[in-house]
Amino acid sequence: MVEPRVPGSGTDRRLELPCGETIDPHEIDLGMREYTCSCGTAHAVVTDVHPPSRFFPESLVSVLRETIETADEFDQFGTPHLMGVVLEEFPDRTAVHDASGDGAVGYSMVWISDFDARRLHEIVVELVVELMEHAISHAEDDHSRTQFESQMLEFDVSEFVDQYRAQREFETEHDRAL
């Protein structure tokens, strides 16, 4: 006799992490920012429901949404796009799980990286700054280009991440948008 089950509750639900360990994606909850792995390291965890303001102030997220047109199923620029950039840069250091068919987890996509949450935050900021530098290099306004370049010379990614994480209270799952 066939045993009834909840969709997505099969025994084959395993996610291989970049370190080679495997986990059940149901171990990831929506408030999780890091997974303490049996390999002895902490892996950053990002789900599609985490807002981009996890990494940047809402004011910058608004600018990114206004200026970046998406050509996919998402309504606007968001966390999946940020993680896509990370995945493109670090494909072997980021595991992805599509849980869109699993109503038991609360997210559709999860990315687990080989980096801890703080280092991943730095990487996301660095990659977005690179995208912004590339975009401004095509600007016709020399003053804007020069002004942006001088501001970037003074921008300290590590200091930004420290200050932003302190303001967002990343020590708990109840962090708040700025």
C-alpha atoms as a PDB file:
ATOM      1  CA  MET A   1       0.000   0.000   0.000  1.00  0.00           C
ATOM      2  CA  VAL A   2       1.252   3.491  -0.873  1.00  0.00           C
ATOM      3  CA  GLU A   3       2.030   5.615   2.151  1.00  0.00           C
ATOM      4  CA  PRO A   4       0.551   9.155   2.060  1.00  0.00           C
ATOM      5  CA  ARG A   5       3.027  11.996   2.363  1.00  0.00           C
ATOM      6  CA  VAL A   6       3.255  15.763   2.282  1.00  0.00           C
ATOM      7  CA  PRO A   7       4.609  17.140  -1.039  1.00  0.00           C
ATOM      8  CA  GLY A   8       8.353  17.635  -0.738  1.00  0.00           C
ATOM      9  CA  SER A   9       8.646  15.299   2.226  1.00  0.00           C
ATOM     10  CA  GLY A  10      10.516  12.544   0.370  1.00  0.00           C
ATOM     11  CA  THR A  11      13.688  11.068   1.742  1.00  0.00           C
ATOM     12  CA  ASP A  12      15.685  12.304  -1.257  1.00  0.00           C
ATOM     13  CA  ARG A  13      15.712  15.937  -0.144  1.00  0.00           C
ATOM     14  CA  ARG A  14      19.393  16.566   0.399  1.00  0.00           C
ATOM     15  CA  LEU A  15      21.416  19.669  -0.377  1.00  0.00           C
ATOM     16  CA  GLU A  16      25.137  19.280  -0.897  1.00  0.00           C
ATOM     17  CA  LEU A  17      27.018  22.203   0.617  1.00  0.00           C
ATOM     18  CA  PRO A  18      30.201  23.651  -0.913  1.00  0.00           C
ATOM     19  CA  CYS A  19      32.242  21.869   1.775  1.00  0.00           C
ATOM     20  CA  GLY A  20      30.872  18.488   0.650  1.00  0.00           C
ATOM     21  CA  GLU A  21      28.554  17.912   3.618  1.00  0.00           C
ATOM     22  CA  THR A  22      24.852  17.411   2.930  1.00  0.00           C
ATOM     23  CA  ILE A  23      21.841  18.733   4.804  1.00  0.00           C
ATOM     24  CA  ASP A  24      18.088  18.504   4.621  1.00  0.00           C
ATOM     25  CA  PRO A  25      16.808  21.869   3.285  1.00  0.00           C
ATOM     26  CA  HIS A  26      14.105  21.693   5.977  1.00  0.00           C
ATOM     27  CA  GLU A  27      16.857  22.458   8.518  1.00  0.00           C
ATOM     28  CA  ILE A  28      16.940  26.000   7.128  1.00  0.00           C
ATOM     29  CA  ASP A  29      14.461  28.376   8.696  1.00  0.00           C
ATOM     30  CA  LEU A  30      13.555  31.857   7.515  1.00  0.00           C
ATOM     31  CA  GLY A  31      15.418  33.613  10.311  1.00  0.00           C
ATOM     32  CA  MET A  32      18.660  31.745   9.713  1.00  0.00           C
ATOM     33  CA  ARG A  33      21.614  33.775   8.470  1.00  0.00           C
ATOM     34  CA  GLU A  34      24.307  31.148   9.090  1.00  0.00           C
ATOM     35  CA  TYR A  35      24.352  27.387   9.258  1.00  0.00           C
ATOM     36  CA  THR A  36      26.834  25.818  11.659  1.00  0.00           C
ATOM     37  CA  CYS A  37      28.016  22.831   9.700  1.00  0.00           C
ATOM     38  CA  SER A  38      29.364  19.525  10.906  1.00  0.00           C
ATOM     39  CA  CYS A  39      32.511  20.367   8.899  1.00  0.00           C
ATOM     40  CA  GLY A  40      33.289  22.903  11.625  1.00  0.00           C
ATOM     41  CA  THR A  41      32.594  26.115   9.724  1.00  0.00           C
ATOM     42  CA  ALA A  42      29.688  28.519   9.507  1.00  0.00           C
ATOM     43  CA  HIS A  43      28.075  28.873   6.070  1.00  0.00           C
ATOM     44  CA  ALA A  44      26.093  31.973   5.126  1.00  0.00           C
ATOM     45  CA  VAL A  45      22.429  31.240   4.405  1.00  0.00           C
ATOM     46  CA  VAL A  46      20.302  33.457   2.171  1.00  0.00           C
ATOM     47  CA  THR A  47      16.747  32.758   1.086  1.00  0.00           C
ATOM     48  CA  ASP A  48      14.730  34.506  -1.590  1.00  0.00           C
ATOM     49  CA  VAL A  49      12.477  35.952   1.111  1.00  0.00           C
ATOM     50  CA  HIS A  50      15.371  37.827   2.712  1.00  0.00           C
ATOM     51  CA  PRO A  51      15.084  41.407   1.484  1.00  0.00           C
ATOM     52  CA  PRO A  52      18.025  43.077  -0.298  1.00  0.00           C
ATOM     53  CA  SER A  53      18.070  45.444   2.682  1.00  0.00           C
ATOM     54  CA  ARG A  54      19.821  42.608   4.474  1.00  0.00           C
ATOM     55  CA  PHE A  55      22.896  43.900   2.618  1.00  0.00           C
ATOM     56  CA  PHE A  56      22.097  47.548   1.791  1.00  0.00           C
ATOM     57  CA  PRO A  57      20.017  50.432   3.125  1.00  0.00           C
ATOM     58  CA  GLU A  58      16.535  50.726   1.618  1.00  0.00           C
ATOM     59  CA  SER A  59      17.557  53.960  -0.113  1.00  0.00           C
ATOM     60  CA  LEU A  60      20.195  52.119  -2.161  1.00  0.00           C
ATOM     61  CA  VAL A  61      17.836  49.195  -2.782  1.00  0.00           C
ATOM     62  CA  SER A  62      15.334  51.707  -4.209  1.00  0.00           C
ATOM     63  CA  VAL A  63      17.989  53.146  -6.531  1.00  0.00           C
ATOM     64  CA  LEU A  64      18.999  49.662  -7.678  1.00  0.00           C
ATOM     65  CA  ARG A  65      15.358  48.775  -8.344  1.00  0.00           C
ATOM     66  CA  GLU A  66      14.828  51.982 -10.323  1.00  0.00           C
ATOM     67  CA  THR A  67      17.920  51.550 -12.474  1.00  0.00           C
ATOM     68  CA  ILE A  68      18.176  47.792 -13.023  1.00  0.00           C
ATOM     69  CA  GLU A  69      15.652  46.204 -15.325  1.00  0.00           C
ATOM     70  CA  THR A  70      15.160  42.502 -14.779  1.00  0.00           C
ATOM     71  CA  ALA A  71      14.483  40.104 -17.618  1.00  0.00           C
ATOM     72  CA  ASP A  72      13.171  37.218 -15.558  1.00  0.00           C
ATOM     73  CA  GLU A  73      10.142  36.095 -13.601  1.00  0.00           C
ATOM     74  CA  PHE A  74      10.820  38.462 -10.694  1.00  0.00           C
ATOM     75  CA  ASP A  75       8.867  41.719 -10.561  1.00  0.00           C
ATOM     76  CA  GLN A  76      11.859  43.783  -9.496  1.00  0.00           C
ATOM     77  CA  PHE A  77      15.532  43.640  -8.626  1.00  0.00           C
ATOM     78  CA  GLY A  78      15.999  41.724  -5.390  1.00  0.00           C
ATOM     79  CA  THR A  79      17.887  39.154  -3.385  1.00  0.00           C
ATOM     80  CA  PRO A  80      17.773  36.463  -6.107  1.00  0.00           C
ATOM     81  CA  HIS A  81      19.609  38.876  -8.416  1.00  0.00           C
ATOM     82  CA  LEU A  82      22.213  39.688  -5.766  1.00  0.00           C
ATOM     83  CA  MET A  83      22.799  36.009  -5.153  1.00  0.00           C
ATOM     84  CA  GLY A  84      22.935  35.394  -8.905  1.00  0.00           C
ATOM     85  CA  VAL A  85      25.873  37.786  -9.103  1.00  0.00           C
ATOM     86  CA  VAL A  86      27.556  35.951  -6.215  1.00  0.00           C
ATOM     87  CA  LEU A  87      26.863  32.590  -7.835  1.00  0.00           C
ATOM     88  CA  GLU A  88      28.314  33.814 -11.117  1.00  0.00           C
ATOM     89  CA  GLU A  89      31.500  34.933  -9.377  1.00  0.00           C
ATOM     90  CA  PHE A  90      31.789  31.968  -6.971  1.00  0.00           C
ATOM     91  CA  PRO A  91      29.969  29.003  -8.546  1.00  0.00           C
ATOM     92  CA  ASP A  92      31.941  26.361  -6.628  1.00  0.00           C
ATOM     93  CA  ARG A  93      31.543  28.141  -3.314  1.00  0.00           C
ATOM     94  CA  THR A  94      27.769  28.521  -3.366  1.00  0.00           C
ATOM     95  CA  ALA A  95      25.119  25.785  -3.188  1.00  0.00           C
ATOM     96  CA  VAL A  96      21.610  26.522  -4.449  1.00  0.00           C
ATOM     97  CA  HIS A  97      18.409  24.677  -3.694  1.00  0.00           C
ATOM     98  CA  ASP A  98      15.128  25.239  -5.522  1.00  0.00           C
ATOM     99  CA  ALA A  99      12.346  24.594  -3.019  1.00  0.00           C
ATOM    100  CA  SER A 100       9.569  26.160  -5.070  1.00  0.00           C
ATOM    101  CA  GLY A 101       7.672  22.866  -5.033  1.00  0.00           C
ATOM    102  CA  ASP A 102       8.052  22.381  -1.290  1.00  0.00           C
ATOM    103  CA  GLY A 103       5.436  24.258   0.695  1.00  0.00           C
ATOM    104  CA  ALA A 104       6.909  23.128   4.004  1.00  0.00           C
ATOM    105  CA  VAL A 105       9.968  25.405   4.029  1.00  0.00           C
ATOM    106  CA  GLY A 106       8.605  28.937   3.531  1.00  0.00           C
ATOM    107  CA  TYR A 107      11.083  29.932   0.825  1.00  0.00           C
ATOM    108  CA  SER A 108      11.458  29.148  -2.869  1.00  0.00           C
ATOM    109  CA  MET A 109      15.229  29.408  -3.162  1.00  0.00           C
ATOM    110  CA  VAL A 110      18.079  29.062  -0.704  1.00  0.00           C
ATOM    111  CA  TRP A 111      21.748  29.809  -1.246  1.00  0.00           C
ATOM    112  CA  ILE A 112      24.341  28.469   1.168  1.00  0.00           C
ATOM    113  CA  SER A 113      27.873  29.690   0.673  1.00  0.00           C
ATOM    114  CA  ASP A 114      31.288  28.563   1.725  1.00  0.00           C
ATOM    115  CA  PHE A 115      31.680  31.992   3.363  1.00  0.00           C
ATOM    116  CA  ASP A 116      30.342  33.021   6.737  1.00  0.00           C
ATOM    117  CA  ALA A 117      27.540  35.608   6.769  1.00  0.00           C
ATOM    118  CA  ARG A 118      29.818  38.586   7.339  1.00  0.00           C
ATOM    119  CA  ARG A 119      32.206  37.673   4.508  1.00  0.00           C
ATOM    120  CA  LEU A 120      29.276  37.051   2.167  1.00  0.00           C
ATOM    121  CA  HIS A 121      27.956  40.500   3.071  1.00  0.00           C
ATOM    122  CA  GLU A 122      31.315  42.017   2.078  1.00  0.00           C
ATOM    123  CA  ILE A 123      31.318  40.071  -1.189  1.00  0.00           C
ATOM    124  CA  VAL A 124      27.796  41.252  -2.089  1.00  0.00           C
ATOM    125  CA  VAL A 125      28.796  44.872  -1.413  1.00  0.00           C
ATOM    126  CA  GLU A 126      32.025  44.520  -3.411  1.00  0.00           C
ATOM    127  CA  LEU A 127      30.184  43.016  -6.389  1.00  0.00           C
ATOM    128  CA  VAL A 128      27.477  45.685  -6.396  1.00  0.00           C
ATOM    129  CA  VAL A 129      30.141  48.411  -6.213  1.00  0.00           C
ATOM    130  CA  GLU A 130      31.821  46.792  -9.237  1.00  0.00           C
ATOM    131  CA  LEU A 131      28.494  46.805 -11.096  1.00  0.00           C
ATOM    132  CA  MET A 132      27.977  50.460 -10.198  1.00  0.00           C
ATOM    133  CA  GLU A 133      31.518  51.324 -11.341  1.00  0.00           C
ATOM    134  CA  HIS A 134      30.885  49.580 -14.641  1.00  0.00           C
ATOM    135  CA  ALA A 135      27.577  51.400 -15.115  1.00  0.00           C
ATOM    136  CA  ILE A 136      29.019  54.817 -14.290  1.00  0.00           C
ATOM    137  CA  SER A 137      31.937  54.235 -16.663  1.00  0.00           C
ATOM    138  CA  HIS A 138      29.367  54.420 -19.485  1.00  0.00           C
ATOM    139  CA  ALA A 139      27.942  57.719 -18.251  1.00  0.00           C
ATOM    140  CA  GLU A 140      28.265  60.659 -20.601  1.00  0.00           C
ATOM    141  CA  ASP A 141      28.655  63.078 -17.691  1.00  0.00           C
ATOM    142  CA  ASP A 142      32.370  63.310 -16.869  1.00  0.00           C
ATOM    143  CA  HIS A 143      31.649  65.118 -13.603  1.00  0.00           C
ATOM    144  CA  SER A 144      29.405  62.300 -12.351  1.00  0.00           C
ATOM    145  CA  ARG A 145      31.994  59.726 -13.311  1.00  0.00           C
ATOM    146  CA  THR A 146      34.798  61.606 -11.565  1.00  0.00           C
ATOM    147  CA  GLN A 147      32.695  62.254  -8.479  1.00  0.00           C
ATOM    148  CA  PHE A 148      31.701  58.589  -8.201  1.00  0.00           C
ATOM    149  CA  GLU A 149      35.295  57.419  -8.646  1.00  0.00           C
ATOM    150  CA  SER A 150      36.537  59.763  -5.915  1.00  0.00           C
ATOM    151  CA  GLN A 151      33.800  58.584  -3.549  1.00  0.00           C
ATOM    152  CA  MET A 152      34.723  54.964  -4.206  1.00  0.00           C
ATOM    153  CA  LEU A 153      38.352  55.685  -3.310  1.00  0.00           C
ATOM    154  CA  GLU A 154      37.127  56.715   0.148  1.00  0.00           C
ATOM    155  CA  PHE A 155      34.627  53.853   0.496  1.00  0.00           C
ATOM    156  CA  ASP A 156      35.734  51.112   2.896  1.00  0.00           C
ATOM    157  CA  VAL A 157      33.688  47.957   2.312  1.00  0.00           C
ATOM    158  CA  SER A 158      34.689  46.361   5.601  1.00  0.00           C
ATOM    159  CA  GLU A 159      33.790  49.479   7.590  1.00  0.00           C
ATOM    160  CA  PHE A 160      30.456  49.796   5.769  1.00  0.00           C
ATOM    161  CA  VAL A 161      29.608  46.162   6.556  1.00  0.00           C
ATOM    162  CA  ASP A 162      30.587  46.573  10.220  1.00  0.00           C
ATOM    163  CA  GLN A 163      28.444  49.675  10.638  1.00  0.00           C
ATOM    164  CA  TYR A 164      25.496  48.325   8.692  1.00  0.00           C
ATOM    165  CA  ARG A 165      25.468  45.010  10.523  1.00  0.00           C
ATOM    166  CA  ALA A 166      25.634  46.821  13.872  1.00  0.00           C
ATOM    167  CA  GLN A 167      22.660  49.001  12.882  1.00  0.00           C
ATOM    168  CA  ARG A 168      20.693  46.027  11.595  1.00  0.00           C
ATOM    169  CA  GLU A 169      21.310  43.970  14.767  1.00  0.00           C
ATOM    170  CA  PHE A 170      22.328  40.829  12.879  1.00  0.00           C
ATOM    171  CA  GLU A 171      22.929  38.940  16.094  1.00  0.00           C
ATOM    172  CA  THR A 172      19.273  37.938  16.186  1.00  0.00           C
ATOM    173  CA  GLU A 173      16.718  36.846  13.623  1.00  0.00           C
ATOM    174  CA  HIS A 174      14.722  40.021  14.375  1.00  0.00           C
ATOM    175  CA  ASP A 175      16.941  42.401  12.401  1.00  0.00           C
ATOM    176  CA  ARG A 176      15.163  45.410  11.009  1.00  0.00           C
ATOM    177  CA  ALA A 177      15.336  47.433   7.789  1.00  0.00           C
ATOM    178  CA  LEU A 178      16.813  50.913   7.838  1.00  0.00           C
END
